[in-house]
Structure formats: structure tokens, C-alpha cells
Amino acid sequence: MKKSRRMQILVDLAKGKEDSAAQQLARDKAKVQHDLQKLSELREYAGQYESERNLLGLSAYLTTNYQHFVDRVRQAIVQQESAVGRSEQQADMSMRRWLQARSKTKSMDWLKEKNHKAELVVEEKQEQRQSDEFAMRRFLDNMR
């Protein structure tokens, strides 16, 4: 088996790893978007409750309960901000893995092409040698 054919197997394996890394990156980016959307909804929710509290004119007891509820929503916002940070870090790591896999695939593909070109040169030389040899035999046969 020619070296370029053997290299093609390695290129295919590297491409498979690259595709897998790209799929993981897409999932991680989707998670970041989902987490950001959830954070936006929580902030909007908290803002609505803050503005409504001022309009309702609640008793001291209800105001305290209402404030506890708003505090829990704020805690959820802080937790969601942390989740967004973790999701973004994961997406960044996935991006680096994908870039490394892509670089490896490109390198292997370049090496395969280099080997293929070298093989073509060798084949062309062999064909030229055979053609020259055939022409020489024909010439010698015609001389006899």
C-alpha cells in the first residue's frame, strides 16, 4: 500500500476526531446561549417583582415575605451567572480542542498530499523509463 493511502487512513481518523470536537463545540455553545437566556429571564423576573413591590403597598409582614422571595430570585441570578461562566469556560475549552483537531487534520492532509505528489513523480519517472526502454527496443528491432 502506498504511503499516501496509509496517510489517508490517518487523515480520516483525524477528521473524525475533528468532527466530534466540532459537535461538542456546537453543544457547548448552545448551552451557553440557553444559560444566557435563562439568566436574562431571571433578571427580567426580578425586575418585575421589584417594581411591583413598590406599587402594591404591602403590609410589613407581606413586605418581609416579598423581600425574602426577591432575595431568593437574586440568589438564583447569582447561581445562573456562575452557570453561564462555567458554560463559557467549557465552550472555550471545546473551541481550543476543535482548533487543535483542525490543525492536526490539516497537517496530516498536507503530509498526505506531499507524499502523493512524491509518488506521482516516482511513477512518472518509471513510466518515462519504460517508454524510453520501449522506444529503444523498437529502434533496435528496426535496425536489425
N, C-alpha and C. Protein backbone atom coordinates (compact mmCIF):
# COMPACT_ATOMS: atom_id res chain seq x y z
N MET A 1 0.85 -1.18 0.00
CA MET A 1 0.00 0.00 0.00
C MET A 1 0.90 1.24 0.00
N LYS A 2 0.53 2.17 -0.83
CA LYS A 2 1.31 3.40 -0.93
C LYS A 2 1.19 4.21 0.36
N LYS A 3 2.23 4.99 0.58
CA LYS A 3 2.27 5.78 1.80
C LYS A 3 1.11 6.78 1.85
N SER A 4 0.78 7.36 0.71
CA SER A 4 -0.32 8.34 0.71
C SER A 4 -1.65 7.67 1.06
N ARG A 5 -1.83 6.42 0.67
CA ARG A 5 -3.06 5.68 1.03
C ARG A 5 -3.09 5.40 2.53
N ARG A 6 -1.93 5.04 3.08
CA ARG A 6 -1.87 4.82 4.53
C ARG A 6 -2.12 6.12 5.28
N MET A 7 -1.58 7.21 4.73
CA MET A 7 -1.80 8.52 5.36
C MET A 7 -3.28 8.92 5.30
N GLN A 8 -3.98 8.51 4.25
CA GLN A 8 -5.40 8.84 4.12
C GLN A 8 -6.19 8.26 5.29
N ILE A 9 -5.80 7.07 5.73
CA ILE A 9 -6.46 6.45 6.89
C ILE A 9 -6.28 7.34 8.12
N LEU A 10 -5.08 7.85 8.31
CA LEU A 10 -4.81 8.73 9.45
C LEU A 10 -5.57 10.05 9.31
N VAL A 11 -5.64 10.57 8.09
CA VAL A 11 -6.39 11.81 7.86
C VAL A 11 -7.86 11.59 8.19
N ASP A 12 -8.40 10.44 7.78
CA ASP A 12 -9.81 10.14 8.06
C ASP A 12 -10.06 10.04 9.57
N LEU A 13 -9.13 9.41 10.28
CA LEU A 13 -9.28 9.33 11.74
C LEU A 13 -9.22 10.72 12.38
N ALA A 14 -8.29 11.54 11.92
CA ALA A 14 -8.17 12.90 12.46
C ALA A 14 -9.41 13.71 12.13
N LYS A 15 -9.95 13.51 10.94
CA LYS A 15 -11.17 14.22 10.54
C LYS A 15 -12.35 13.80 11.43
N GLY A 16 -12.40 12.52 11.77
CA GLY A 16 -13.45 12.05 12.67
C GLY A 16 -13.35 12.71 14.04
N LYS A 17 -12.13 12.83 14.55
CA LYS A 17 -11.93 13.50 15.84
C LYS A 17 -12.29 14.98 15.74
N GLU A 18 -11.94 15.58 14.62
CA GLU A 18 -12.27 16.99 14.41
C GLU A 18 -13.78 17.18 14.36
N ASP A 19 -14.48 16.30 13.66
CA ASP A 19 -15.94 16.39 13.59
C ASP A 19 -16.57 16.21 14.96
N SER A 20 -16.04 15.29 15.74
CA SER A 20 -16.54 15.06 17.09
C SER A 20 -16.33 16.31 17.95
N ALA A 21 -15.16 16.91 17.83
CA ALA A 21 -14.86 18.13 18.59
C ALA A 21 -15.78 19.27 18.15
N ALA A 22 -16.08 19.35 16.86
CA ALA A 22 -16.98 20.39 16.35
C ALA A 22 -18.39 20.20 16.88
N GLN A 23 -18.83 18.97 16.97
CA GLN A 23 -20.16 18.70 17.51
C GLN A 23 -20.24 19.07 18.99
N GLN A 24 -19.18 18.75 19.73
CA GLN A 24 -19.14 19.11 21.15
C GLN A 24 -19.15 20.63 21.30
N LEU A 25 -18.39 21.31 20.46
CA LEU A 25 -18.36 22.77 20.49
C LEU A 25 -19.75 23.35 20.24
N ALA A 26 -20.45 22.79 19.28
CA ALA A 26 -21.81 23.27 18.98
C ALA A 26 -22.73 23.06 20.17
N ARG A 27 -22.62 21.90 20.82
CA ARG A 27 -23.45 21.65 22.01
C ARG A 27 -23.11 22.63 23.13
N ASP A 28 -21.82 22.89 23.32
CA ASP A 28 -21.41 23.81 24.39
C ASP A 28 -21.85 25.24 24.10
N LYS A 29 -21.78 25.64 22.86
CA LYS A 29 -22.24 27.00 22.51
C LYS A 29 -23.75 27.11 22.71
N ALA A 30 -24.48 26.05 22.37
CA ALA A 30 -25.92 26.06 22.58
C ALA A 30 -26.24 26.16 24.07
N LYS A 31 -25.45 25.47 24.90
CA LYS A 31 -25.65 25.54 26.35
C LYS A 31 -25.40 26.95 26.86
N VAL A 32 -24.37 27.60 26.36
CA VAL A 32 -24.10 28.99 26.76
C VAL A 32 -25.30 29.86 26.42
N GLN A 33 -25.82 29.72 25.21
CA GLN A 33 -26.97 30.52 24.80
C GLN A 33 -28.19 30.24 25.69
N HIS A 34 -28.40 28.97 26.00
CA HIS A 34 -29.52 28.60 26.87
C HIS A 34 -29.35 29.22 28.24
N ASP A 35 -28.14 29.12 28.80
CA ASP A 35 -27.88 29.67 30.13
C ASP A 35 -28.02 31.20 30.14
N LEU A 36 -27.58 31.85 29.07
CA LEU A 36 -27.72 33.30 28.99
C LEU A 36 -29.20 33.70 28.90
N GLN A 37 -29.96 32.94 28.16
CA GLN A 37 -31.39 33.20 28.04
C GLN A 37 -32.08 33.05 29.40
N LYS A 38 -31.71 32.00 30.12
CA LYS A 38 -32.28 31.76 31.44
C LYS A 38 -31.91 32.91 32.40
N LEU A 39 -30.67 33.37 32.32
CA LEU A 39 -30.23 34.48 33.17
C LEU A 39 -31.02 35.74 32.84
N SER A 40 -31.20 36.00 31.57
CA SER A 40 -31.98 37.17 31.15
C SER A 40 -33.41 37.10 31.68
N GLU A 41 -34.00 35.92 31.61
CA GLU A 41 -35.36 35.75 32.12
C GLU A 41 -35.42 35.98 33.63
N LEU A 42 -34.43 35.46 34.36
CA LEU A 42 -34.41 35.67 35.82
C LEU A 42 -34.27 37.15 36.16
N ARG A 43 -33.41 37.85 35.44
CA ARG A 43 -33.23 39.29 35.71
C ARG A 43 -34.51 40.06 35.41
N GLU A 44 -35.15 39.69 34.34
CA GLU A 44 -36.41 40.36 33.99
C GLU A 44 -37.47 40.08 35.06
N TYR A 45 -37.53 38.84 35.50
CA TYR A 45 -38.47 38.42 36.54
C TYR A 45 -38.22 39.20 37.83
N ALA A 46 -36.95 39.31 38.24
CA ALA A 46 -36.60 40.04 39.46
C ALA A 46 -36.96 41.52 39.31
N GLY A 47 -36.70 42.09 38.16
CA GLY A 47 -37.02 43.49 37.92
C GLY A 47 -38.51 43.76 38.02
N GLN A 48 -39.31 42.84 37.49
CA GLN A 48 -40.76 42.99 37.56
C GLN A 48 -41.24 42.96 39.01
N TYR A 49 -40.72 42.05 39.80
CA TYR A 49 -41.13 41.95 41.20
C TYR A 49 -40.68 43.17 42.00
N GLU A 50 -39.49 43.67 41.70
CA GLU A 50 -39.02 44.87 42.40
C GLU A 50 -39.94 46.05 42.12
N SER A 51 -40.30 46.21 40.86
CA SER A 51 -41.14 47.36 40.52
C SER A 51 -42.56 47.18 41.05
N GLU A 52 -43.07 45.96 41.07
CA GLU A 52 -44.42 45.71 41.59
C GLU A 52 -44.49 45.92 43.10
N ARG A 53 -43.44 45.57 43.80
CA ARG A 53 -43.45 45.73 45.26
C ARG A 53 -43.69 47.17 45.64
N ASN A 54 -43.08 48.07 44.92
CA ASN A 54 -43.25 49.49 45.23
C ASN A 54 -44.67 49.97 44.94
N LEU A 55 -45.33 49.32 44.01
CA LEU A 55 -46.69 49.75 43.63
C LEU A 55 -47.78 49.13 44.50
N LEU A 56 -47.50 47.99 45.14
CA LEU A 56 -48.53 47.25 45.84
C LEU A 56 -48.90 47.83 47.20
N GLY A 57 -47.98 48.45 47.89
CA GLY A 57 -48.26 48.97 49.23
C GLY A 57 -48.60 47.86 50.19
N LEU A 58 -47.69 46.91 50.37
CA LEU A 58 -47.93 45.72 51.19
C LEU A 58 -47.73 46.02 52.68
N SER A 59 -48.33 45.18 53.52
CA SER A 59 -48.13 45.30 54.97
C SER A 59 -46.69 44.90 55.28
N ALA A 60 -46.26 45.18 56.50
CA ALA A 60 -44.88 44.88 56.91
C ALA A 60 -44.59 43.39 56.77
N TYR A 61 -45.52 42.53 57.19
CA TYR A 61 -45.35 41.08 57.11
C TYR A 61 -45.20 40.64 55.65
N LEU A 62 -46.11 41.12 54.81
CA LEU A 62 -46.06 40.73 53.40
C LEU A 62 -44.83 41.32 52.71
N THR A 63 -44.44 42.52 53.14
CA THR A 63 -43.24 43.13 52.56
C THR A 63 -42.02 42.28 52.89
N THR A 64 -41.96 41.77 54.12
CA THR A 64 -40.83 40.91 54.51
C THR A 64 -40.82 39.63 53.69
N ASN A 65 -41.98 38.99 53.56
CA ASN A 65 -42.06 37.77 52.73
C ASN A 65 -41.72 38.06 51.28
N TYR A 66 -42.21 39.17 50.82
CA TYR A 66 -41.94 39.57 49.43
C TYR A 66 -40.44 39.77 49.24
N GLN A 67 -39.81 40.43 50.22
CA GLN A 67 -38.37 40.69 50.15
C GLN A 67 -37.58 39.38 50.17
N HIS A 68 -38.01 38.42 50.98
CA HIS A 68 -37.34 37.12 51.00
C HIS A 68 -37.43 36.44 49.63
N PHE A 69 -38.61 36.56 49.03
CA PHE A 69 -38.79 35.98 47.71
C PHE A 69 -37.86 36.64 46.69
N VAL A 70 -37.80 37.97 46.72
CA VAL A 70 -36.92 38.70 45.80
C VAL A 70 -35.46 38.33 46.06
N ASP A 71 -35.10 38.15 47.32
CA ASP A 71 -33.73 37.74 47.65
C ASP A 71 -33.41 36.36 47.07
N ARG A 72 -34.37 35.46 47.13
CA ARG A 72 -34.17 34.12 46.54
C ARG A 72 -34.01 34.20 45.02
N VAL A 73 -34.77 35.09 44.43
CA VAL A 73 -34.62 35.28 42.97
C VAL A 73 -33.23 35.84 42.66
N ARG A 74 -32.76 36.75 43.49
CA ARG A 74 -31.40 37.31 43.29
C ARG A 74 -30.34 36.21 43.47
N GLN A 75 -30.55 35.34 44.44
CA GLN A 75 -29.61 34.22 44.62
C GLN A 75 -29.61 33.32 43.38
N ALA A 76 -30.80 33.11 42.83
CA ALA A 76 -30.90 32.31 41.60
C ALA A 76 -30.15 33.00 40.47
N ILE A 77 -30.20 34.32 40.43
CA ILE A 77 -29.48 35.08 39.40
C ILE A 77 -27.98 34.88 39.57
N VAL A 78 -27.49 34.97 40.80
CA VAL A 78 -26.06 34.76 41.07
C VAL A 78 -25.64 33.35 40.65
N GLN A 79 -26.45 32.37 41.00
CA GLN A 79 -26.15 30.99 40.61
C GLN A 79 -26.15 30.83 39.09
N GLN A 80 -27.10 31.48 38.45
CA GLN A 80 -27.17 31.39 36.99
C GLN A 80 -25.98 32.09 36.34
N GLU A 81 -25.53 33.18 36.93
CA GLU A 81 -24.33 33.86 36.42
C GLU A 81 -23.12 32.93 36.50
N SER A 82 -23.04 32.18 37.59
CA SER A 82 -21.96 31.19 37.73
C SER A 82 -22.09 30.10 36.67
N ALA A 83 -23.33 29.66 36.44
CA ALA A 83 -23.56 28.62 35.42
C ALA A 83 -23.16 29.12 34.04
N VAL A 84 -23.45 30.39 33.75
CA VAL A 84 -23.05 30.98 32.47
C VAL A 84 -21.53 30.99 32.36
N GLY A 85 -20.87 31.38 33.43
CA GLY A 85 -19.39 31.40 33.43
C GLY A 85 -18.81 30.02 33.17
N ARG A 86 -19.37 29.02 33.84
CA ARG A 86 -18.89 27.64 33.62
C ARG A 86 -19.16 27.18 32.19
N SER A 87 -20.32 27.52 31.67
CA SER A 87 -20.67 27.14 30.29
C SER A 87 -19.72 27.81 29.30
N GLU A 88 -19.41 29.07 29.55
CA GLU A 88 -18.49 29.79 28.65
C GLU A 88 -17.09 29.19 28.71
N GLN A 89 -16.65 28.81 29.91
CA GLN A 89 -15.33 28.16 30.04
C GLN A 89 -15.31 26.84 29.28
N GLN A 90 -16.37 26.07 29.41
CA GLN A 90 -16.46 24.79 28.71
C GLN A 90 -16.45 25.00 27.20
N ALA A 91 -17.18 26.01 26.75
CA ALA A 91 -17.21 26.31 25.31
C ALA A 91 -15.82 26.75 24.83
N ASP A 92 -15.11 27.52 25.64
CA ASP A 92 -13.75 27.93 25.27
C ASP A 92 -12.82 26.72 25.17
N MET A 93 -12.93 25.80 26.11
CA MET A 93 -12.10 24.59 26.06
C MET A 93 -12.45 23.76 24.82
N SER A 94 -13.73 23.67 24.51
CA SER A 94 -14.15 22.92 23.33
C SER A 94 -13.63 23.59 22.06
N MET A 95 -13.62 24.91 22.05
CA MET A 95 -13.09 25.64 20.90
C MET A 95 -11.60 25.34 20.72
N ARG A 96 -10.86 25.34 21.82
CA ARG A 96 -9.42 25.02 21.73
C ARG A 96 -9.21 23.60 21.25
N ARG A 97 -10.00 22.65 21.75
CA ARG A 97 -9.88 21.25 21.29
C ARG A 97 -10.19 21.12 19.81
N TRP A 98 -11.23 21.83 19.38
CA TRP A 98 -11.58 21.78 17.96
C TRP A 98 -10.48 22.39 17.10
N LEU A 99 -9.93 23.53 17.53
CA LEU A 99 -8.84 24.16 16.76
C LEU A 99 -7.62 23.25 16.68
N GLN A 100 -7.31 22.57 17.79
CA GLN A 100 -6.18 21.62 17.76
C GLN A 100 -6.46 20.47 16.82
N ALA A 101 -7.67 19.94 16.87
CA ALA A 101 -8.04 18.83 15.99
C ALA A 101 -8.00 19.28 14.54
N ARG A 102 -8.48 20.48 14.27
CA ARG A 102 -8.48 21.01 12.90
C ARG A 102 -7.06 21.17 12.40
N SER A 103 -6.19 21.69 13.25
CA SER A 103 -4.79 21.88 12.88
C SER A 103 -4.13 20.53 12.57
N LYS A 104 -4.42 19.54 13.39
CA LYS A 104 -3.85 18.21 13.16
C LYS A 104 -4.35 17.61 11.85
N THR A 105 -5.63 17.77 11.58
CA THR A 105 -6.19 17.26 10.33
C THR A 105 -5.53 17.94 9.13
N LYS A 106 -5.39 19.26 9.20
CA LYS A 106 -4.76 19.99 8.09
C LYS A 106 -3.31 19.53 7.90
N SER A 107 -2.59 19.34 8.99
CA SER A 107 -1.19 18.91 8.90
C SER A 107 -1.10 17.53 8.25
N MET A 108 -1.95 16.63 8.70
CA MET A 108 -1.91 15.27 8.14
C MET A 108 -2.32 15.27 6.67
N ASP A 109 -3.29 16.09 6.34
CA ASP A 109 -3.73 16.18 4.95
C ASP A 109 -2.60 16.75 4.08
N TRP A 110 -1.90 17.75 4.58
CA TRP A 110 -0.78 18.33 3.85
C TRP A 110 0.31 17.28 3.63
N LEU A 111 0.61 16.51 4.67
CA LEU A 111 1.63 15.47 4.57
C LEU A 111 1.20 14.38 3.58
N LYS A 112 -0.07 14.03 3.60
CA LYS A 112 -0.58 13.03 2.66
C LYS A 112 -0.43 13.54 1.23
N GLU A 113 -0.79 14.80 1.01
CA GLU A 113 -0.65 15.37 -0.34
C GLU A 113 0.81 15.42 -0.78
N LYS A 114 1.67 15.75 0.13
CA LYS A 114 3.11 15.79 -0.18
C LYS A 114 3.58 14.40 -0.60
N ASN A 115 3.18 13.38 0.14
CA ASN A 115 3.55 12.01 -0.21
C ASN A 115 2.95 11.60 -1.55
N HIS A 116 1.71 12.01 -1.78
CA HIS A 116 1.05 11.68 -3.04
C HIS A 116 1.79 12.30 -4.22
N LYS A 117 2.19 13.55 -4.10
CA LYS A 117 2.94 14.23 -5.16
C LYS A 117 4.28 13.54 -5.40
N ALA A 118 4.95 13.14 -4.32
CA ALA A 118 6.23 12.43 -4.46
C ALA A 118 6.01 11.10 -5.18
N GLU A 119 4.95 10.42 -4.86
CA GLU A 119 4.64 9.14 -5.53
C GLU A 119 4.35 9.36 -7.01
N LEU A 120 3.66 10.44 -7.34
CA LEU A 120 3.39 10.74 -8.74
C LEU A 120 4.68 11.00 -9.51
N VAL A 121 5.60 11.70 -8.88
CA VAL A 121 6.90 11.96 -9.53
C VAL A 121 7.61 10.65 -9.81
N VAL A 122 7.62 9.75 -8.82
CA VAL A 122 8.27 8.44 -9.00
C VAL A 122 7.58 7.66 -10.12
N GLU A 123 6.26 7.66 -10.12
CA GLU A 123 5.51 6.95 -11.17
C GLU A 123 5.81 7.52 -12.55
N GLU A 124 5.84 8.84 -12.65
CA GLU A 124 6.14 9.47 -13.93
C GLU A 124 7.53 9.10 -14.42
N LYS A 125 8.49 9.05 -13.50
CA LYS A 125 9.85 8.66 -13.88
C LYS A 125 9.88 7.21 -14.36
N GLN A 126 9.14 6.34 -13.68
CA GLN A 126 9.09 4.94 -14.08
C GLN A 126 8.44 4.81 -15.46
N GLU A 127 7.35 5.54 -15.67
CA GLU A 127 6.69 5.50 -16.97
C GLU A 127 7.60 6.03 -18.06
N GLN A 128 8.33 7.10 -17.78
CA GLN A 128 9.26 7.65 -18.76
C GLN A 128 10.37 6.65 -19.06
N ARG A 129 10.88 6.00 -18.02
CA ARG A 129 11.93 4.99 -18.19
C ARG A 129 11.41 3.85 -19.07
N GLN A 130 10.17 3.39 -18.78
CA GLN A 130 9.59 2.30 -19.57
C GLN A 130 9.36 2.74 -21.01
N SER A 131 8.91 3.96 -21.18
CA SER A 131 8.68 4.49 -22.53
C SER A 131 9.99 4.59 -23.30
N ASP A 132 11.05 5.08 -22.63
CA ASP A 132 12.36 5.17 -23.26
C ASP A 132 12.89 3.79 -23.63
N GLU A 133 12.69 2.86 -22.70
CA GLU A 133 13.16 1.49 -22.95
C GLU A 133 12.41 0.87 -24.13
N PHE A 134 11.10 1.08 -24.18
CA PHE A 134 10.29 0.57 -25.28
C PHE A 134 10.73 1.19 -26.61
N ALA A 135 10.95 2.51 -26.61
CA ALA A 135 11.41 3.19 -27.82
C ALA A 135 12.77 2.69 -28.25
N MET A 136 13.65 2.42 -27.31
CA MET A 136 14.99 1.91 -27.63
C MET A 136 14.89 0.52 -28.23
N ARG A 137 14.04 -0.32 -27.66
CA ARG A 137 13.87 -1.68 -28.22
C ARG A 137 13.31 -1.61 -29.65
N ARG A 138 12.35 -0.75 -29.83
CA ARG A 138 11.75 -0.61 -31.16
C ARG A 138 12.81 -0.13 -32.16
N PHE A 139 13.60 0.82 -31.74
CA PHE A 139 14.66 1.33 -32.61
C PHE A 139 15.64 0.22 -32.96
N LEU A 140 16.05 -0.55 -31.92
CA LEU A 140 16.98 -1.65 -32.17
C LEU A 140 16.38 -2.73 -33.05
N ASP A 141 15.08 -3.00 -32.86
CA ASP A 141 14.42 -4.01 -33.71
C ASP A 141 14.34 -3.54 -35.16
N ASN A 142 14.14 -2.24 -35.35
CA ASN A 142 14.08 -1.71 -36.70
C ASN A 142 15.46 -1.70 -37.36
N MET A 143 16.51 -1.60 -36.57
CA MET A 143 17.87 -1.60 -37.09
C MET A 143 18.27 -2.97 -37.59
N ARG A 144 17.72 -4.01 -37.07
CA ARG A 144 18.08 -5.39 -37.45
C ARG A 144 17.50 -5.79 -38.71
